[in-house]
Amino acid sequence: MSELDAAGITGQTLRAAYTECRRINAHHGRTFFLATRLLPPRTRPFAHALYGFARMADELVDNPAPGTDPAFALDEVAGLVARVFDGATPADPVLAALADTVRRHDLDRGLFDAFLRSMAMDLEITEYATYADLKEYVHGSAEVIGLQMLPVFGTVVPVADAEPGAAALGEAFQLTNFLRDIGEDLDRGRLYLPTEELAAFGVDRELLMWSRARGLPDRRVRRALAVAVARNRAVYRRAEAGIPLLRPESRDCVRTALVLYEGILDEIVALGYDVLNTRAFVPRRRRLATALPKLLTSAWSNSRLRVRS
């Protein structure tokens, strides 16, 4: 596979590990996967590996296999991640690809510890009163993903200068997930929209569950979600300011991911904020219209580089 060759990934087992991460990304994260096609081939496998690990841990918590204990499974993963930072290469393909990515890019263990702490919070905490209360969870579940990706994408400034934009991108994506998935999260017993903010509009968990059960949107819910969407858009603007700090060859990927993910907010508005029973998504034609011109330009540039080499 050209991406693996370009990235200098050798050995049948390791190549298979990265291929599995690519499959996970393509299957579960279509928007981000489409955006990664705009990265140079040598960079893509590492982005897939980081996505694959995040998805694996998230699935242990959100969709545990029947008869399994998600807390125990998460502890096992935490132990394996600790071994990765001790220099080991676990047999699990996703963790094997992660270990290689960590070593190549000298990634910070603290980012992975924070991520796993937030995954564990999902097993214990079902709601948050304020955005300040939610901050630790969002940092670990989302901001650190942007920070993990930063050394892979590369920067034209000291990495520390680019970190606020990378963290904001993760936060923006997560806030969008909270809005899009509010109905599914309620079914799991979770509510990520801060309860004090909802209460200001006369909304509580019971009203949300009542509206979901009956398929009847409520004007109070609409008003609360409209404010949450506006807050989310402000975070996207902070994230957008960080894109010029990335290496030029990574900017189209991040900008495309940002535009497509923020497009989910447009769809939420178009639905009249009726997201308790309808999943908002960016239509395929819009995704292609956003990404295709850049994909064609990227393919042409890569073909010229191959000819020259």
C-alpha atoms as a PDB file:
ATOM      1  CA  MET A   1       0.000   0.000   0.000  1.00  0.00           C
ATOM      2  CA  SER A   2       1.522   3.338  -1.042  1.00  0.00           C
ATOM      3  CA  GLU A   3       0.666   5.132   2.219  1.00  0.00           C
ATOM      4  CA  LEU A   4       2.535   2.566   4.291  1.00  0.00           C
ATOM      5  CA  ASP A   5       5.511   2.676   1.930  1.00  0.00           C
ATOM      6  CA  ALA A   6       5.550   6.470   2.001  1.00  0.00           C
ATOM      7  CA  ALA A   7       5.447   6.432   5.807  1.00  0.00           C
ATOM      8  CA  GLY A   8       8.330   3.944   5.982  1.00  0.00           C
ATOM      9  CA  ILE A   9       6.209   1.321   7.722  1.00  0.00           C
ATOM     10  CA  THR A  10       7.731  -2.105   7.181  1.00  0.00           C
ATOM     11  CA  GLY A  11       7.094  -5.584   8.480  1.00  0.00           C
ATOM     12  CA  GLN A  12       3.975  -7.584   7.760  1.00  0.00           C
ATOM     13  CA  THR A  13       2.585  -7.426  11.294  1.00  0.00           C
ATOM     14  CA  LEU A  14       3.017  -3.684  11.673  1.00  0.00           C
ATOM     15  CA  ARG A  15       1.617  -2.972   8.218  1.00  0.00           C
ATOM     16  CA  ALA A  16      -1.421  -5.098   9.083  1.00  0.00           C
ATOM     17  CA  ALA A  17      -1.836  -3.133  12.330  1.00  0.00           C
ATOM     18  CA  TYR A  18      -1.916   0.192  10.507  1.00  0.00           C
ATOM     19  CA  THR A  19      -4.257  -1.244   7.894  1.00  0.00           C
ATOM     20  CA  GLU A  20      -6.688  -2.202  10.664  1.00  0.00           C
ATOM     21  CA  CYS A  21      -6.593   1.342  12.039  1.00  0.00           C
ATOM     22  CA  ARG A  22      -7.293   2.679   8.574  1.00  0.00           C
ATOM     23  CA  ARG A  23     -10.305   0.347   8.322  1.00  0.00           C
ATOM     24  CA  ILE A  24     -11.633   1.536  11.683  1.00  0.00           C
ATOM     25  CA  ASN A  25     -11.267   5.171  10.648  1.00  0.00           C
ATOM     26  CA  ALA A  26     -12.955   4.607   7.287  1.00  0.00           C
ATOM     27  CA  HIS A  27     -15.851   2.717   8.870  1.00  0.00           C
ATOM     28  CA  HIS A  28     -16.528   4.788  11.987  1.00  0.00           C
ATOM     29  CA  GLY A  29     -15.210   8.259  11.169  1.00  0.00           C
ATOM     30  CA  ARG A  30     -16.187   9.035   7.614  1.00  0.00           C
ATOM     31  CA  THR A  31     -15.806  12.791   7.931  1.00  0.00           C
ATOM     32  CA  PHE A  32     -12.326  12.640   9.433  1.00  0.00           C
ATOM     33  CA  PHE A  33     -11.288   9.827   7.098  1.00  0.00           C
ATOM     34  CA  LEU A  34     -12.292  11.908   4.085  1.00  0.00           C
ATOM     35  CA  ALA A  35     -10.243  14.797   5.459  1.00  0.00           C
ATOM     36  CA  THR A  36      -7.185  12.567   5.953  1.00  0.00           C
ATOM     37  CA  ARG A  37      -7.124  11.934   2.202  1.00  0.00           C
ATOM     38  CA  LEU A  38      -5.811  15.494   1.970  1.00  0.00           C
ATOM     39  CA  LEU A  39      -2.750  14.672   4.066  1.00  0.00           C
ATOM     40  CA  PRO A  40       0.473  13.588   2.397  1.00  0.00           C
ATOM     41  CA  PRO A  41       0.484   9.769   2.124  1.00  0.00           C
ATOM     42  CA  ARG A  42       3.425   9.563   4.551  1.00  0.00           C
ATOM     43  CA  THR A  43       1.303  11.178   7.287  1.00  0.00           C
ATOM     44  CA  ARG A  44      -2.028   9.388   6.910  1.00  0.00           C
ATOM     45  CA  PRO A  45      -1.225   6.093   8.702  1.00  0.00           C
ATOM     46  CA  PHE A  46      -0.324   7.908  11.920  1.00  0.00           C
ATOM     47  CA  ALA A  47      -3.569   9.897  11.905  1.00  0.00           C
ATOM     48  CA  HIS A  48      -5.459   6.624  11.368  1.00  0.00           C
ATOM     49  CA  ALA A  49      -3.595   5.003  14.279  1.00  0.00           C
ATOM     50  CA  LEU A  50      -4.541   7.779  16.701  1.00  0.00           C
ATOM     51  CA  TYR A  51      -8.150   7.693  15.536  1.00  0.00           C
ATOM     52  CA  GLY A  52      -8.201   3.893  15.817  1.00  0.00           C
ATOM     53  CA  PHE A  53      -7.037   3.957  19.423  1.00  0.00           C
ATOM     54  CA  ALA A  54      -9.541   6.635  20.432  1.00  0.00           C
ATOM     55  CA  ARG A  55     -12.344   4.709  18.776  1.00  0.00           C
ATOM     56  CA  MET A  56     -11.330   1.420  20.375  1.00  0.00           C
ATOM     57  CA  ALA A  57     -11.433   2.902  23.882  1.00  0.00           C
ATOM     58  CA  ASP A  58     -14.682   4.732  23.190  1.00  0.00           C
ATOM     59  CA  GLU A  59     -16.334   1.536  21.999  1.00  0.00           C
ATOM     60  CA  LEU A  60     -15.330  -0.295  25.180  1.00  0.00           C
ATOM     61  CA  VAL A  61     -17.325   2.274  27.144  1.00  0.00           C
ATOM     62  CA  ASP A  62     -20.247   3.015  24.824  1.00  0.00           C
ATOM     63  CA  ASN A  63     -20.821  -0.393  23.264  1.00  0.00           C
ATOM     64  CA  PRO A  64     -19.309  -3.057  25.530  1.00  0.00           C
ATOM     65  CA  ALA A  65     -19.566  -6.634  24.366  1.00  0.00           C
ATOM     66  CA  PRO A  66     -22.326  -8.597  26.119  1.00  0.00           C
ATOM     67  CA  GLY A  67     -21.176 -10.037  29.417  1.00  0.00           C
ATOM     68  CA  THR A  68     -18.077  -7.828  29.654  1.00  0.00           C
ATOM     69  CA  ASP A  69     -17.169  -5.261  32.301  1.00  0.00           C
ATOM     70  CA  PRO A  70     -16.257  -1.981  30.569  1.00  0.00           C
ATOM     71  CA  ALA A  71     -14.377  -0.694  33.625  1.00  0.00           C
ATOM     72  CA  PHE A  72     -12.194  -3.806  33.669  1.00  0.00           C
ATOM     73  CA  ALA A  73     -11.642  -3.610  29.914  1.00  0.00           C
ATOM     74  CA  LEU A  74     -10.639   0.048  30.188  1.00  0.00           C
ATOM     75  CA  ASP A  75      -8.197  -0.769  32.992  1.00  0.00           C
ATOM     76  CA  GLU A  76      -6.648  -3.420  30.773  1.00  0.00           C
ATOM     77  CA  VAL A  77      -6.183  -0.893  27.979  1.00  0.00           C
ATOM     78  CA  ALA A  78      -4.655   1.598  30.424  1.00  0.00           C
ATOM     79  CA  GLY A  79      -2.170  -1.059  31.480  1.00  0.00           C
ATOM     80  CA  LEU A  80      -1.253  -1.778  27.869  1.00  0.00           C
ATOM     81  CA  VAL A  81      -0.815   1.918  27.139  1.00  0.00           C
ATOM     82  CA  ALA A  82       1.539   2.149  30.118  1.00  0.00           C
ATOM     83  CA  ARG A  83       3.545  -0.696  28.581  1.00  0.00           C
ATOM     84  CA  VAL A  84       3.654   1.179  25.273  1.00  0.00           C
ATOM     85  CA  PHE A  85       5.379   4.081  27.016  1.00  0.00           C
ATOM     86  CA  ASP A  86       7.750   1.603  28.650  1.00  0.00           C
ATOM     87  CA  GLY A  87       8.830   0.512  25.171  1.00  0.00           C
ATOM     88  CA  ALA A  88       6.633  -2.556  24.649  1.00  0.00           C
ATOM     89  CA  THR A  89       4.622  -3.374  21.536  1.00  0.00           C
ATOM     90  CA  PRO A  90       1.299  -5.023  22.456  1.00  0.00           C
ATOM     91  CA  ALA A  91      -0.090  -7.790  20.283  1.00  0.00           C
ATOM     92  CA  ASP A  92      -3.358  -5.945  19.693  1.00  0.00           C
ATOM     93  CA  PRO A  93      -3.077  -4.371  16.221  1.00  0.00           C
ATOM     94  CA  VAL A  94      -4.510  -0.991  17.202  1.00  0.00           C
ATOM     95  CA  LEU A  95      -2.146  -0.716  20.163  1.00  0.00           C
ATOM     96  CA  ALA A  96       0.767  -1.943  18.047  1.00  0.00           C
ATOM     97  CA  ALA A  97       0.156   0.857  15.536  1.00  0.00           C
ATOM     98  CA  LEU A  98      -0.264   3.297  18.416  1.00  0.00           C
ATOM     99  CA  ALA A  99       3.057   2.224  19.925  1.00  0.00           C
ATOM    100  CA  ASP A 100       4.851   2.830  16.631  1.00  0.00           C
ATOM    101  CA  THR A 101       3.162   6.225  16.200  1.00  0.00           C
ATOM    102  CA  VAL A 102       4.032   7.259  19.764  1.00  0.00           C
ATOM    103  CA  ARG A 103       7.705   6.439  19.229  1.00  0.00           C
ATOM    104  CA  ARG A 104       8.015   8.076  15.848  1.00  0.00           C
ATOM    105  CA  HIS A 105       6.412  11.319  17.005  1.00  0.00           C
ATOM    106  CA  ASP A 106       7.526  11.341  20.651  1.00  0.00           C
ATOM    107  CA  LEU A 107       3.960  11.765  21.885  1.00  0.00           C
ATOM    108  CA  ASP A 108       3.264  12.790  25.464  1.00  0.00           C
ATOM    109  CA  ARG A 109       1.976  10.020  27.718  1.00  0.00           C
ATOM    110  CA  GLY A 110      -0.039  12.540  29.731  1.00  0.00           C
ATOM    111  CA  LEU A 111      -2.344  13.077  26.758  1.00  0.00           C
ATOM    112  CA  PHE A 112      -3.268   9.399  26.731  1.00  0.00           C
ATOM    113  CA  ASP A 113      -3.679   9.205  30.501  1.00  0.00           C
ATOM    114  CA  ALA A 114      -6.063  12.177  30.358  1.00  0.00           C
ATOM    115  CA  PHE A 115      -8.008  10.534  27.548  1.00  0.00           C
ATOM    116  CA  LEU A 116      -8.445   7.295  29.481  1.00  0.00           C
ATOM    117  CA  ARG A 117      -9.519   9.225  32.601  1.00  0.00           C
ATOM    118  CA  SER A 118     -12.309  10.852  30.630  1.00  0.00           C
ATOM    119  CA  MET A 119     -13.386   7.491  29.240  1.00  0.00           C
ATOM    120  CA  ALA A 120     -13.595   6.230  32.834  1.00  0.00           C
ATOM    121  CA  MET A 121     -15.671   9.290  33.797  1.00  0.00           C
ATOM    122  CA  ASP A 122     -18.341   8.075  31.374  1.00  0.00           C
ATOM    123  CA  LEU A 123     -18.759   5.006  33.574  1.00  0.00           C
ATOM    124  CA  GLU A 124     -19.331   7.079  36.711  1.00  0.00           C
ATOM    125  CA  ILE A 125     -20.756  10.518  35.855  1.00  0.00           C
ATOM    126  CA  THR A 126     -24.099  10.931  34.102  1.00  0.00           C
ATOM    127  CA  GLU A 127     -24.410  14.734  33.912  1.00  0.00           C
ATOM    128  CA  TYR A 128     -22.610  18.033  34.549  1.00  0.00           C
ATOM    129  CA  ALA A 129     -24.028  21.187  36.076  1.00  0.00           C
ATOM    130  CA  THR A 130     -21.937  23.792  34.213  1.00  0.00           C
ATOM    131  CA  TYR A 131     -19.516  24.071  31.330  1.00  0.00           C
ATOM    132  CA  ALA A 132     -16.770  24.570  33.909  1.00  0.00           C
ATOM    133  CA  ASP A 133     -17.694  21.189  35.413  1.00  0.00           C
ATOM    134  CA  LEU A 134     -17.616  19.654  31.943  1.00  0.00           C
ATOM    135  CA  LYS A 135     -14.172  21.067  31.166  1.00  0.00           C
ATOM    136  CA  GLU A 136     -12.093  18.170  32.529  1.00  0.00           C
ATOM    137  CA  TYR A 137     -14.125  15.651  30.581  1.00  0.00           C
ATOM    138  CA  VAL A 138     -13.901  17.636  27.333  1.00  0.00           C
ATOM    139  CA  HIS A 139     -10.174  18.117  27.783  1.00  0.00           C
ATOM    140  CA  GLY A 140      -9.536  14.402  28.173  1.00  0.00           C
ATOM    141  CA  SER A 141     -12.076  13.139  25.671  1.00  0.00           C
ATOM    142  CA  ALA A 142     -11.454  15.669  22.911  1.00  0.00           C
ATOM    143  CA  GLU A 143      -8.849  18.392  23.374  1.00  0.00           C
ATOM    144  CA  VAL A 144      -6.094  15.839  23.881  1.00  0.00           C
ATOM    145  CA  ILE A 145      -6.964  14.225  20.540  1.00  0.00           C
ATOM    146  CA  GLY A 146      -6.127  17.489  18.807  1.00  0.00           C
ATOM    147  CA  LEU A 147      -2.933  17.720  20.850  1.00  0.00           C
ATOM    148  CA  GLN A 148      -1.973  14.134  19.952  1.00  0.00           C
ATOM    149  CA  MET A 149      -2.454  14.897  16.273  1.00  0.00           C
ATOM    150  CA  LEU A 150      -0.390  18.083  16.388  1.00  0.00           C
ATOM    151  CA  PRO A 151       3.084  16.462  16.114  1.00  0.00           C
ATOM    152  CA  VAL A 152       1.759  14.284  13.275  1.00  0.00           C
ATOM    153  CA  PHE A 153       0.413  17.262  11.344  1.00  0.00           C
ATOM    154  CA  GLY A 154       3.450  19.394  12.126  1.00  0.00           C
ATOM    155  CA  THR A 155       3.685  23.127  12.757  1.00  0.00           C
ATOM    156  CA  VAL A 156       5.491  26.167  11.390  1.00  0.00           C
ATOM    157  CA  VAL A 157       5.755  27.647  14.891  1.00  0.00           C
ATOM    158  CA  PRO A 158       6.840  26.155  18.223  1.00  0.00           C
ATOM    159  CA  VAL A 159       4.397  23.385  19.076  1.00  0.00           C
ATOM    160  CA  ALA A 160       3.276  25.156  22.253  1.00  0.00           C
ATOM    161  CA  ASP A 161       2.069  28.112  20.174  1.00  0.00           C
ATOM    162  CA  ALA A 162      -0.162  25.834  18.094  1.00  0.00           C
ATOM    163  CA  GLU A 163      -1.605  23.888  21.025  1.00  0.00           C
ATOM    164  CA  PRO A 164      -4.533  26.250  21.832  1.00  0.00           C
ATOM    165  CA  GLY A 165      -5.897  25.929  18.284  1.00  0.00           C
ATOM    166  CA  ALA A 166      -5.463  22.150  18.272  1.00  0.00           C
ATOM    167  CA  ALA A 167      -7.229  21.830  21.627  1.00  0.00           C
ATOM    168  CA  ALA A 168     -10.031  24.109  20.439  1.00  0.00           C
ATOM    169  CA  LEU A 169     -10.562  21.915  17.388  1.00  0.00           C
ATOM    170  CA  GLY A 170     -11.026  18.854  19.574  1.00  0.00           C
ATOM    171  CA  GLU A 171     -13.379  20.780  21.846  1.00  0.00           C
ATOM    172  CA  ALA A 172     -15.419  22.069  18.898  1.00  0.00           C
ATOM    173  CA  PHE A 173     -15.859  18.567  17.484  1.00  0.00           C
ATOM    174  CA  GLN A 174     -16.884  17.210  20.886  1.00  0.00           C
ATOM    175  CA  LEU A 175     -19.459  19.933  21.516  1.00  0.00           C
ATOM    176  CA  THR A 176     -20.944  19.128  18.121  1.00  0.00           C
ATOM    177  CA  ASN A 177     -21.094  15.462  19.088  1.00  0.00           C
ATOM    178  CA  PHE A 178     -22.973  16.387  22.273  1.00  0.00           C
ATOM    179  CA  LEU A 179     -25.593  18.234  20.232  1.00  0.00           C
ATOM    180  CA  ARG A 180     -25.899  15.661  17.475  1.00  0.00           C
ATOM    181  CA  ASP A 181     -26.004  12.650  19.806  1.00  0.00           C
ATOM    182  CA  ILE A 182     -28.144  14.034  22.616  1.00  0.00           C
ATOM    183  CA  GLY A 183     -30.878  11.435  22.094  1.00  0.00           C
ATOM    184  CA  GLU A 184     -28.472   8.483  21.972  1.00  0.00           C
ATOM    185  CA  ASP A 185     -26.636   9.749  25.039  1.00  0.00           C
ATOM    186  CA  LEU A 186     -29.921  10.007  26.957  1.00  0.00           C
ATOM    187  CA  ASP A 187     -30.589   6.379  26.086  1.00  0.00           C
ATOM    188  CA  ARG A 188     -27.248   5.532  27.728  1.00  0.00           C
ATOM    189  CA  GLY A 189     -28.236   7.541  30.796  1.00  0.00           C
ATOM    190  CA  ARG A 190     -25.906  10.446  30.030  1.00  0.00           C
ATOM    191  CA  LEU A 191     -26.501  14.145  29.523  1.00  0.00           C
ATOM    192  CA  TYR A 192     -23.557  16.278  28.446  1.00  0.00           C
ATOM    193  CA  LEU A 193     -25.359  19.596  27.984  1.00  0.00           C
ATOM    194  CA  PRO A 194     -24.863  21.357  31.345  1.00  0.00           C
ATOM    195  CA  THR A 195     -27.987  21.148  33.451  1.00  0.00           C
ATOM    196  CA  GLU A 196     -27.773  24.697  34.844  1.00  0.00           C
ATOM    197  CA  GLU A 197     -27.597  26.103  31.317  1.00  0.00           C
ATOM    198  CA  LEU A 198     -30.594  24.026  30.284  1.00  0.00           C
ATOM    199  CA  ALA A 199     -32.522  25.051  33.403  1.00  0.00           C
ATOM    200  CA  ALA A 200     -32.224  28.695  32.372  1.00  0.00           C
ATOM    201  CA  PHE A 201     -34.586  27.805  29.504  1.00  0.00           C
ATOM    202  CA  GLY A 202     -36.881  25.598  31.576  1.00  0.00           C
ATOM    203  CA  VAL A 203     -35.297  22.399  30.288  1.00  0.00           C
ATOM    204  CA  ASP A 204     -34.305  19.390  32.372  1.00  0.00           C
ATOM    205  CA  ARG A 205     -33.526  15.735  31.763  1.00  0.00           C
ATOM    206  CA  GLU A 206     -37.158  14.748  32.226  1.00  0.00           C
ATOM    207  CA  LEU A 207     -38.356  17.142  29.528  1.00  0.00           C
ATOM    208  CA  LEU A 208     -35.672  15.905  27.134  1.00  0.00           C
ATOM    209  CA  MET A 209     -36.619  12.284  27.753  1.00  0.00           C
ATOM    210  CA  TRP A 210     -40.315  13.094  27.399  1.00  0.00           C
ATOM    211  CA  SER A 211     -39.669  14.838  24.078  1.00  0.00           C
ATOM    212  CA  ARG A 212     -37.559  11.915  22.839  1.00  0.00           C
ATOM    213  CA  ALA A 213     -40.097   9.312  23.884  1.00  0.00           C
ATOM    214  CA  ARG A 214     -42.973  11.107  22.150  1.00  0.00           C
ATOM    215  CA  GLY A 215     -41.123  12.578  19.201  1.00  0.00           C
ATOM    216  CA  LEU A 216     -42.461  16.019  20.098  1.00  0.00           C
ATOM    217  CA  PRO A 217     -39.919  18.848  19.949  1.00  0.00           C
ATOM    218  CA  ASP A 218     -40.338  21.587  22.529  1.00  0.00           C
ATOM    219  CA  ARG A 219     -39.737  25.304  22.006  1.00  0.00           C
ATOM    220  CA  ARG A 220     -37.808  25.501  25.300  1.00  0.00           C
ATOM    221  CA  VAL A 221     -35.455  22.786  24.066  1.00  0.00           C
ATOM    222  CA  ARG A 222     -35.031  24.598  20.758  1.00  0.00           C
ATOM    223  CA  ARG A 223     -34.017  27.815  22.504  1.00  0.00           C
ATOM    224  CA  ALA A 224     -31.507  26.023  24.713  1.00  0.00           C
ATOM    225  CA  LEU A 225     -29.976  24.200  21.752  1.00  0.00           C
ATOM    226  CA  ALA A 226     -29.767  27.418  19.724  1.00  0.00           C
ATOM    227  CA  VAL A 227     -27.586  28.947  22.428  1.00  0.00           C
ATOM    228  CA  ALA A 228     -25.443  25.800  22.576  1.00  0.00           C
ATOM    229  CA  VAL A 229     -24.955  25.930  18.799  1.00  0.00           C
ATOM    230  CA  ALA A 230     -23.839  29.570  19.016  1.00  0.00           C
ATOM    231  CA  ARG A 231     -21.353  28.678  21.756  1.00  0.00           C
ATOM    232  CA  ASN A 232     -20.058  25.816  19.622  1.00  0.00           C
ATOM    233  CA  ARG A 233     -19.540  28.077  16.600  1.00  0.00           C
ATOM    234  CA  ALA A 234     -17.412  30.428  18.705  1.00  0.00           C
ATOM    235  CA  VAL A 235     -15.112  27.500  19.549  1.00  0.00           C
ATOM    236  CA  TYR A 236     -14.794  26.658  15.847  1.00  0.00           C
ATOM    237  CA  ARG A 237     -13.575  30.225  15.243  1.00  0.00           C
ATOM    238  CA  ARG A 238     -10.844  29.724  17.844  1.00  0.00           C
ATOM    239  CA  ALA A 239      -9.862  26.455  16.206  1.00  0.00           C
ATOM    240  CA  GLU A 240      -9.835  28.033  12.755  1.00  0.00           C
ATOM    241  CA  ALA A 241      -7.296  30.609  13.924  1.00  0.00           C
ATOM    242  CA  GLY A 242      -4.839  27.779  14.586  1.00  0.00           C
ATOM    243  CA  ILE A 243      -4.843  26.317  11.068  1.00  0.00           C
ATOM    244  CA  PRO A 244      -2.203  28.711   9.619  1.00  0.00           C
ATOM    245  CA  LEU A 245       0.165  27.522  12.358  1.00  0.00           C
ATOM    246  CA  LEU A 246       0.207  23.995  10.905  1.00  0.00           C
ATOM    247  CA  ARG A 247       2.540  22.782   8.188  1.00  0.00           C
ATOM    248  CA  PRO A 248       1.105  23.836   4.809  1.00  0.00           C
ATOM    249  CA  GLU A 249       0.547  20.228   3.690  1.00  0.00           C
ATOM    250  CA  SER A 250      -1.683  19.566   6.724  1.00  0.00           C
ATOM    251  CA  ARG A 251      -3.873  22.647   6.538  1.00  0.00           C
ATOM    252  CA  ASP A 252      -6.346  21.418   3.909  1.00  0.00           C
ATOM    253  CA  CYS A 253      -7.048  18.295   5.963  1.00  0.00           C
ATOM    254  CA  VAL A 254      -7.784  20.212   9.146  1.00  0.00           C
ATOM    255  CA  ARG A 255      -9.720  22.969   7.397  1.00  0.00           C
ATOM    256  CA  THR A 256     -11.866  20.414   5.559  1.00  0.00           C
ATOM    257  CA  ALA A 257     -12.563  18.486   8.768  1.00  0.00           C
ATOM    258  CA  LEU A 258     -13.531  21.741  10.468  1.00  0.00           C
ATOM    259  CA  VAL A 259     -15.860  22.860   7.663  1.00  0.00           C
ATOM    260  CA  LEU A 260     -17.549  19.464   7.421  1.00  0.00           C
ATOM    261  CA  TYR A 261     -17.976  19.007  11.156  1.00  0.00           C
ATOM    262  CA  GLU A 262     -19.279  22.529  11.650  1.00  0.00           C
ATOM    263  CA  GLY A 263     -21.668  21.682   8.823  1.00  0.00           C
ATOM    264  CA  ILE A 264     -23.409  19.357  11.274  1.00  0.00           C
ATOM    265  CA  LEU A 265     -24.454  22.488  13.169  1.00  0.00           C
ATOM    266  CA  ASP A 266     -25.971  23.862   9.957  1.00  0.00           C
ATOM    267  CA  GLU A 267     -27.984  20.648   9.637  1.00  0.00           C
ATOM    268  CA  ILE A 268     -29.116  20.893  13.262  1.00  0.00           C
ATOM    269  CA  VAL A 269     -30.413  24.400  12.605  1.00  0.00           C
ATOM    270  CA  ALA A 270     -32.072  23.226   9.377  1.00  0.00           C
ATOM    271  CA  LEU A 271     -33.885  20.544  11.395  1.00  0.00           C
ATOM    272  CA  GLY A 272     -35.301  23.233  13.665  1.00  0.00           C
ATOM    273  CA  TYR A 273     -33.095  21.820  16.458  1.00  0.00           C
ATOM    274  CA  ASP A 274     -35.170  18.629  16.436  1.00  0.00           C
ATOM    275  CA  VAL A 275     -32.206  16.361  17.190  1.00  0.00           C
ATOM    276  CA  LEU A 276     -33.723  14.231  19.925  1.00  0.00           C
ATOM    277  CA  ASN A 277     -35.128  11.827  17.369  1.00  0.00           C
ATOM    278  CA  THR A 278     -33.367  12.829  14.148  1.00  0.00           C
ATOM    279  CA  ARG A 279     -29.650  12.448  13.587  1.00  0.00           C
ATOM    280  CA  ALA A 280     -28.113  15.484  11.900  1.00  0.00           C
ATOM    281  CA  PHE A 281     -25.467  14.710   9.304  1.00  0.00           C
ATOM    282  CA  VAL A 282     -23.810  16.480   6.401  1.00  0.00           C
ATOM    283  CA  PRO A 283     -25.182  15.042   3.138  1.00  0.00           C
ATOM    284  CA  ARG A 284     -22.729  13.163   0.962  1.00  0.00           C
ATOM    285  CA  ARG A 285     -23.054  15.699  -1.865  1.00  0.00           C
ATOM    286  CA  ARG A 286     -21.980  18.500   0.478  1.00  0.00           C
ATOM    287  CA  ARG A 287     -19.065  16.472   1.810  1.00  0.00           C
ATOM    288  CA  LEU A 288     -17.870  15.770  -1.711  1.00  0.00           C
ATOM    289  CA  ALA A 289     -18.389  19.361  -2.843  1.00  0.00           C
ATOM    290  CA  THR A 290     -16.221  20.504   0.063  1.00  0.00           C
ATOM    291  CA  ALA A 291     -13.460  17.940  -0.248  1.00  0.00           C
ATOM    292  CA  LEU A 292     -13.357  16.867  -3.913  1.00  0.00           C
ATOM    293  CA  PRO A 293     -11.628  19.947  -5.395  1.00  0.00           C
ATOM    294  CA  LYS A 294      -8.884  19.696  -2.784  1.00  0.00           C
ATOM    295  CA  LEU A 295      -8.640  15.923  -3.262  1.00  0.00           C
ATOM    296  CA  LEU A 296      -8.102  16.363  -6.987  1.00  0.00           C
ATOM    297  CA  THR A 297      -5.453  19.019  -6.383  1.00  0.00           C
ATOM    298  CA  SER A 298      -3.754  16.815  -3.795  1.00  0.00           C
ATOM    299  CA  ALA A 299      -3.760  13.804  -6.124  1.00  0.00           C
ATOM    300  CA  TRP A 300      -2.255  15.878  -8.920  1.00  0.00           C
ATOM    301  CA  SER A 301       0.471  17.254  -6.645  1.00  0.00           C
ATOM    302  CA  ASN A 302       1.350  13.783  -5.354  1.00  0.00           C
ATOM    303  CA  SER A 303       1.536  12.378  -8.880  1.00  0.00           C
ATOM    304  CA  ARG A 304       3.961  15.156  -9.871  1.00  0.00           C
ATOM    305  CA  LEU A 305       6.123  14.383  -6.850  1.00  0.00           C
ATOM    306  CA  ARG A 306       6.232  10.690  -7.813  1.00  0.00           C
ATOM    307  CA  VAL A 307       7.232  11.543 -11.365  1.00  0.00           C
ATOM    308  CA  ARG A 308      10.002  13.846 -10.158  1.00  0.00           C
ATOM    309  CA  SER A 309      11.322  11.255  -7.749  1.00  0.00           C
END
